C-alpha cells in the first residue's frame, strides 16, 4: 500500500470495521457475523495489512492486503501471510483478499489460485485467494457496502467517466444513510485524498470547488457562524485540513487554536478547500 495513502485507508478501516469485514466476507464466501480486528503482527518478519475475525455461523478470519502498485509475486506473499495468520488464530480458516486500488496495481499472476508444483510436476498445494479490482467495481455497489467503502466508489472506471456526477451520488448516499455531519466531512476528506491515486490535480480541485459551494449549507460549517462554538469550528479546520495537508504540526495547531476573531475564523474555514497547504491557509488575513 502506498505510504501516502496509508493513514487515510487505515482510518477508513478503523472507523468502519463492520463495513469492510462485511464486504470482504461476501467476496470470499465467509458467512456474515460480528467482526473483530486482530493483531496484524504475525511474526518478526511478517505483518499483514489487516486481519478480522468474523464470528458468523462458521467462524473464520479475513486477511486483507491493499495494493496501489503492481508487482509480481503477490500470490506467494499472500500464502505466507495466510499460513502465519492461521497459526496465530488457532487453526481457524483464513481467507485472503487482495484489494487493488488502481489499474497500475494489477499483475499477470493474480489469477486467484496459486498452485505449487511438486517434484513430479503435479501441484502438491493449491491456495485460493480473492482479488478485488476497485476500478472494475460499480459506484452503486461500493456505496451500498457502507460509508467505510464509499470513498472507493470514486476510484472506479464508472466514476472516472463522470467524476462530478459520481461525487454527487456519493454525497447523496451519505445523506440518505443519515451519516452525521462530522463523519460525512471525514469521509469527504478521505475521498479527496484517495482520488490522488487516480486523478490529476485539476480534476480533484474541481471536486473541492464543488464541495466549497455546498459546504455552507451543512450544519457543521455553521459552527463557524456561532460565537459560542468557536472551539468546534477550530476543530473542524484541523480535521479537514488534516485530510488535505496532513496532520498539523503542533505550531500550526496552536496557531489555529489561537484564532479568536470570528470573521477571520470564517475566512480561514472558507479557504480550506482552496489553500495549497497549512502555511497558505494560515496566511488568510
Protein backbone atom coordinates (compact mmCIF):
# COMPACT_ATOMS: atom_id res chain seq x y z
CA UNK A 1 0.00 0.00 0.00
CA UNK A 2 1.43 3.39 -0.95
CA UNK A 3 2.60 5.23 2.18
CA UNK A 4 0.97 8.47 1.08
CA UNK A 5 -2.43 6.82 1.39
CA UNK A 6 -1.77 4.50 4.37
CA UNK A 7 -3.16 6.82 7.02
CA UNK A 8 -6.35 7.55 5.09
CA UNK A 9 -7.08 3.89 4.37
CA UNK A 10 -6.26 2.84 7.92
CA UNK A 11 -8.63 5.47 9.28
CA UNK A 12 -11.41 4.30 6.97
CA UNK A 13 -10.94 0.73 8.13
CA UNK A 14 -10.59 1.56 11.83
CA UNK A 15 -13.72 3.71 11.80
CA UNK A 16 -15.82 1.28 9.74
CA UNK A 17 -14.66 -2.26 10.60
CA UNK A 18 -18.11 -3.80 10.07
CA UNK A 19 -18.40 -2.32 6.56
CA UNK A 20 -15.02 -3.67 5.48
CA UNK A 21 -15.48 -7.08 7.07
CA UNK A 22 -18.93 -7.47 5.52
CA UNK A 23 -17.68 -6.51 2.07
CA UNK A 24 -14.66 -8.83 2.22
CA UNK A 25 -16.63 -11.74 3.70
CA UNK A 26 -19.10 -11.60 0.83
CA UNK A 27 -16.23 -11.76 -1.68
CA UNK A 28 -14.78 -14.96 -0.30
CA UNK A 29 -17.87 -16.83 0.87
CA UNK A 30 -17.46 -16.30 4.62
CA UNK A 31 -20.85 -16.27 6.43
CA UNK A 32 -21.53 -12.81 7.88
CA UNK A 33 -21.27 -12.11 11.59
CA UNK A 34 -19.81 -9.71 14.16
CA UNK A 35 -16.28 -8.66 13.19
CA UNK A 36 -13.32 -8.04 15.47
CA UNK A 37 -9.95 -6.61 14.37
CA UNK A 38 -6.99 -8.85 15.20
CA UNK A 39 -3.29 -8.18 15.75
CA UNK A 40 -1.56 -7.97 12.37
CA UNK A 41 1.93 -8.82 13.66
CA UNK A 42 2.25 -12.42 12.51
CA UNK A 43 5.96 -12.89 13.18
CA UNK A 44 9.17 -10.96 13.47
CA UNK A 45 9.19 -10.53 9.68
CA UNK A 46 5.53 -10.65 8.63
CA UNK A 47 2.84 -8.05 9.19
CA UNK A 48 -0.49 -8.23 7.39
CA UNK A 49 -2.33 -5.08 6.38
CA UNK A 50 -5.46 -6.17 8.24
CA UNK A 51 -6.92 -9.23 9.95
CA UNK A 52 -10.54 -9.58 11.10
CA UNK A 53 -12.23 -12.40 12.95
CA UNK A 54 -15.82 -12.91 11.78
CA UNK A 55 -17.98 -14.82 14.24
CA UNK A 56 -20.80 -15.95 12.00
CA UNK A 57 -22.30 -19.48 11.71
CA UNK A 58 -18.86 -20.70 10.59
CA UNK A 59 -16.21 -18.52 12.36
CA UNK A 60 -13.32 -17.52 10.13
CA UNK A 61 -10.59 -14.92 9.74
CA UNK A 62 -10.32 -12.43 6.90
CA UNK A 63 -6.88 -11.37 5.76
CA UNK A 64 -6.80 -8.10 3.81
CA UNK A 65 -3.93 -6.73 1.75
CA UNK A 66 -4.22 -3.40 -0.11
CA UNK A 67 -2.05 -2.61 -3.12
CA UNK A 68 -1.68 0.51 -5.23
CA UNK A 69 1.39 -0.56 -7.27
CA UNK A 70 1.67 -3.65 -9.41
CA UNK A 71 4.33 -6.30 -8.81
CA UNK A 72 4.73 -9.99 -9.45
CA UNK A 73 4.92 -12.47 -6.60
CA UNK A 74 1.96 -11.32 -4.52
CA UNK A 75 0.24 -14.75 -4.51
CA UNK A 76 3.18 -16.38 -2.70
CA UNK A 77 3.32 -13.46 -0.25
CA UNK A 78 -0.39 -13.93 0.45
CA UNK A 79 0.25 -17.62 1.07
CA UNK A 80 2.97 -16.83 3.63
CA UNK A 81 0.72 -14.33 5.40
CA UNK A 82 -2.18 -16.77 5.28
CA UNK A 83 -0.20 -19.63 6.84
CA UNK A 84 1.19 -17.42 9.58
CA UNK A 85 -2.27 -16.00 10.31
CA UNK A 86 -3.79 -19.49 10.55
CA UNK A 87 -1.17 -20.49 13.10
CA UNK A 88 -1.79 -17.29 15.08
CA UNK A 89 -5.57 -17.77 15.29
CA UNK A 90 -5.59 -21.38 16.37
CA UNK A 91 -6.33 -23.05 13.06
CA UNK A 92 -9.44 -21.15 12.03
CA UNK A 93 -9.94 -20.86 8.26
CA UNK A 94 -8.17 -17.77 6.94
CA UNK A 95 -9.44 -16.22 3.72
CA UNK A 96 -7.07 -13.81 1.98
CA UNK A 97 -8.39 -10.91 -0.08
CA UNK A 98 -6.17 -8.64 -2.16
CA UNK A 99 -7.72 -5.24 -2.91
CA UNK A 100 -6.12 -3.47 -5.87
CA UNK A 101 -6.75 0.27 -5.65
CA UNK A 102 -5.96 1.30 -9.24
CA UNK A 103 -5.23 -0.33 -12.61
CA UNK A 104 -1.44 0.01 -12.24
CA UNK A 105 -1.68 -2.32 -9.23
CA UNK A 106 -2.69 -5.23 -11.45
CA UNK A 107 -0.25 -8.04 -12.26
CA UNK A 108 -0.40 -11.01 -14.61
CA UNK A 109 -0.04 -13.63 -11.87
CA UNK A 110 -3.13 -12.55 -9.92
CA UNK A 111 -5.35 -15.44 -11.02
CA UNK A 112 -6.97 -16.09 -7.59
CA UNK A 113 -5.36 -19.56 -7.47
CA UNK A 114 -1.75 -20.43 -6.69
CA UNK A 115 -0.57 -23.97 -7.44
CA UNK A 116 2.85 -25.05 -6.25
CA UNK A 117 4.31 -27.89 -8.33
CA UNK A 118 5.91 -30.89 -6.71
CA UNK A 119 8.97 -32.81 -7.88
CA UNK A 120 6.71 -34.98 -10.03
CA UNK A 121 5.32 -31.94 -11.81
CA UNK A 122 1.89 -32.20 -10.20
CA UNK A 123 0.60 -29.49 -7.82
CA UNK A 124 1.13 -30.51 -4.22
CA UNK A 125 -0.56 -27.38 -2.82
CA UNK A 126 -3.39 -25.23 -4.12
CA UNK A 127 -4.06 -21.87 -2.46
CA UNK A 128 -7.18 -19.86 -3.23
CA UNK A 129 -7.43 -16.12 -2.63
CA UNK A 130 -9.78 -13.36 -3.75
CA UNK A 131 -8.86 -10.28 -5.78
CA UNK A 132 -10.95 -7.10 -5.79
CA UNK A 133 -10.05 -4.72 -8.59
CA UNK A 134 -11.60 -1.49 -7.40
CA UNK A 135 -11.73 0.11 -10.85
CA UNK A 136 -13.94 -2.75 -12.09
CA UNK A 137 -16.48 -2.29 -9.28
CA UNK A 138 -19.67 -0.28 -9.71
CA UNK A 139 -20.31 3.02 -7.96
CA UNK A 140 -23.59 1.79 -6.50
CA UNK A 141 -22.02 -1.45 -5.31
CA UNK A 142 -19.34 0.32 -3.27
CA UNK A 143 -21.76 2.94 -1.97
CA UNK A 144 -24.11 0.17 -0.84
CA UNK A 145 -21.26 -1.54 1.04
CA UNK A 146 -21.39 1.23 3.65
CA UNK A 147 -19.66 4.53 4.46
CA UNK A 148 -16.32 2.80 5.01
CA UNK A 149 -16.18 1.64 1.39
CA UNK A 150 -17.99 4.61 -0.15
CA UNK A 151 -14.84 6.68 -0.88
CA UNK A 152 -13.53 3.86 -3.09
CA UNK A 153 -16.53 4.37 -5.39
CA UNK A 154 -14.77 7.37 -6.92
CA UNK A 155 -11.84 5.17 -7.99
CA UNK A 156 -13.96 3.05 -10.31
CA UNK A 157 -13.95 3.22 -14.10
CA UNK A 158 -17.61 4.15 -13.90
CA UNK A 159 -16.81 7.17 -11.70
CA UNK A 160 -13.92 8.19 -13.94
CA UNK A 161 -16.39 8.56 -16.81
CA UNK A 162 -18.17 11.40 -14.97
CA UNK A 163 -16.37 12.23 -11.74
CA UNK A 164 -18.59 15.18 -10.62
CA UNK A 165 -21.72 13.06 -11.08
CA UNK A 166 -20.19 10.18 -9.12
CA UNK A 167 -19.23 12.58 -6.34
CA UNK A 168 -22.82 13.83 -6.27
CA UNK A 169 -24.08 10.27 -5.88
CA UNK A 170 -21.54 9.73 -3.10
CA UNK A 171 -22.84 12.74 -1.15
CA UNK A 172 -26.47 11.79 -1.76
CA UNK A 173 -25.83 8.29 -0.44
CA UNK A 174 -24.20 9.58 2.75
CA UNK A 175 -27.09 11.93 3.42
CA UNK A 176 -29.70 9.25 2.67
CA UNK A 177 -27.95 6.98 5.16
CA UNK A 178 -28.18 9.67 7.84
CA UNK A 179 -24.41 9.89 8.28
CA UNK A 180 -23.62 12.62 10.86
CA UNK A 181 -22.05 15.81 9.50
CA UNK A 182 -18.69 15.26 11.19
CA UNK A 183 -18.45 11.70 9.83
CA UNK A 184 -19.59 12.87 6.38
CA UNK A 185 -16.87 15.51 6.25
CA UNK A 186 -14.26 13.00 7.40
CA UNK A 187 -15.33 10.66 4.60
CA UNK A 188 -15.16 13.51 2.10
CA UNK A 189 -11.65 14.30 3.21
CA UNK A 190 -10.69 10.64 2.80
CA UNK A 191 -12.29 10.61 -0.65
CA UNK A 192 -10.29 13.59 -1.88
CA UNK A 193 -7.05 12.09 -0.56
CA UNK A 194 -7.74 8.74 -2.24
CA UNK A 195 -8.68 10.46 -5.50
CA UNK A 196 -4.96 11.24 -5.78
CA UNK A 197 -4.48 7.56 -6.62
CA UNK A 198 -6.24 8.00 -9.95
CA UNK A 199 -6.94 11.61 -10.94
CA UNK A 200 -4.96 14.66 -11.91
CA UNK A 201 -4.69 17.65 -9.60
CA UNK A 202 -7.05 19.84 -11.64
CA UNK A 203 -9.79 17.18 -11.53
CA UNK A 204 -9.51 16.96 -7.76
CA UNK A 205 -9.51 20.73 -7.40
CA UNK A 206 -12.79 20.81 -9.35
CA UNK A 207 -14.30 18.50 -6.76
CA UNK A 208 -13.07 20.77 -3.98
CA UNK A 209 -14.71 23.75 -5.64
CA UNK A 210 -17.98 21.83 -5.90
CA UNK A 211 -17.75 20.95 -2.22
CA UNK A 212 -16.91 24.52 -1.32
CA UNK A 213 -20.12 25.73 -2.96
CA UNK A 214 -22.25 23.33 -0.90
CA UNK A 215 -20.32 23.29 2.36
CA UNK A 216 -22.05 26.40 3.63
CA UNK A 217 -25.36 24.51 3.67
CA UNK A 218 -24.12 21.99 6.25
CA UNK A 219 -24.82 22.34 9.93
CA UNK A 220 -21.16 21.65 10.72
CA UNK A 221 -19.98 24.61 8.67
CA UNK A 222 -22.44 26.79 10.56
CA UNK A 223 -20.33 26.24 13.67
CA UNK A 224 -18.14 28.99 12.28
CA UNK A 225 -21.04 31.40 12.42
CA UNK A 226 -21.81 30.57 16.03
CA UNK A 227 -19.78 32.59 18.52
CA UNK A 228 -20.41 30.02 21.22
CA UNK A 229 -18.93 27.15 19.16
CA UNK A 230 -15.56 28.59 18.17
CA UNK A 231 -13.67 25.61 19.63
CA UNK A 232 -15.65 23.21 17.46
CA UNK A 233 -15.03 25.43 14.42
CA UNK A 234 -11.30 25.34 15.04
CA UNK A 235 -11.55 21.57 15.41
CA UNK A 236 -13.29 21.40 12.03
CA UNK A 237 -10.46 23.37 10.43
CA UNK A 238 -7.86 20.99 11.89
CA UNK A 239 -9.87 17.92 10.87
CA UNK A 240 -10.49 18.84 7.23
CA UNK A 241 -7.09 20.48 6.90
CA UNK A 242 -5.51 17.29 8.21
CA UNK A 243 -7.18 15.31 5.47
CA UNK A 244 -5.89 17.74 2.84
CA UNK A 245 -2.43 18.69 4.06
CA UNK A 246 -1.52 16.01 6.59
CA UNK A 247 -1.67 16.23 10.37
CA UNK A 248 -0.99 19.77 11.52
CA UNK A 249 2.36 20.29 13.29
CA UNK A 250 1.91 21.50 16.85
CA UNK A 251 2.91 25.03 15.88
CA UNK A 252 0.18 25.09 13.24
CA UNK A 253 -2.40 23.54 15.55
CA UNK A 254 -1.54 26.14 18.17
CA UNK A 255 -1.95 28.92 15.60
CA UNK A 256 -5.39 27.61 14.60
CA UNK A 257 -6.46 27.30 18.22
CA UNK A 258 -5.28 30.88 18.73
CA UNK A 259 -7.70 32.35 16.17
CA UNK A 260 -10.29 34.19 18.22
CA UNK A 261 -11.64 36.67 15.69
CA UNK A 262 -14.94 35.27 14.40
CA UNK A 263 -14.69 36.82 10.97
CA UNK A 264 -11.15 35.59 10.39
CA UNK A 265 -12.18 32.13 11.59
CA UNK A 266 -14.89 32.15 8.94
CA UNK A 267 -12.44 33.28 6.22
CA UNK A 268 -9.93 30.57 7.16
CA UNK A 269 -12.63 27.90 7.06
CA UNK A 270 -13.84 29.21 3.71
CA UNK A 271 -10.36 28.65 2.23
CA UNK A 272 -9.95 25.09 3.49
CA UNK A 273 -10.63 23.64 0.08
CA UNK A 274 -8.63 26.17 -1.93
CA UNK A 275 -5.46 26.64 0.15
CA UNK A 276 -2.27 24.95 -1.03
CA UNK A 277 -1.12 23.96 2.46
CA UNK A 278 -1.13 24.87 6.13
CA UNK A 279 1.08 27.93 5.61
CA UNK A 280 -1.16 29.20 2.84
CA UNK A 281 -4.26 28.61 4.96
CA UNK A 282 -2.85 30.44 7.97
CA UNK A 283 -1.84 33.36 5.76
CA UNK A 284 -5.54 34.13 5.35
CA UNK A 285 -5.95 37.65 6.78
